[in-house]
Amino acid sequence: MLFPNALGQFVSTSDTLGTLKLVRKGSTLDGYYRAGANFIPLGSAGVPTAPTRFHLNGGIFVNDALAASFAFDNFKVNTGVVSCPP
């Protein structure tokens, strides 16, 4: 996971479902991934408090990989407004 102006950790996993959790409190963005019943910190960075957009960008880092797909599933916002431009 890459944070704006900061490099987060890369985490290898055999988990094919995965859960990513982003938490923004004020001007701090924290990222976590789920391992079993726990969320493990990936990194943290200072971010603007203005409305924010983000995208999913994934890759496979092995030579013999055939293909992969990445998608948001069960996307949830706990506070604020979601605006999806046409």
Foldseek 3Di string as FASTA:
>chain_A
DQDVVDRWDDDDDPDPPKDKDWDDDAQKIWIWIDDPNDTDTGDMDGHHPPDDDDDDDDDDDDDPDDDDDDDDDPDDDPDDDDDDDD
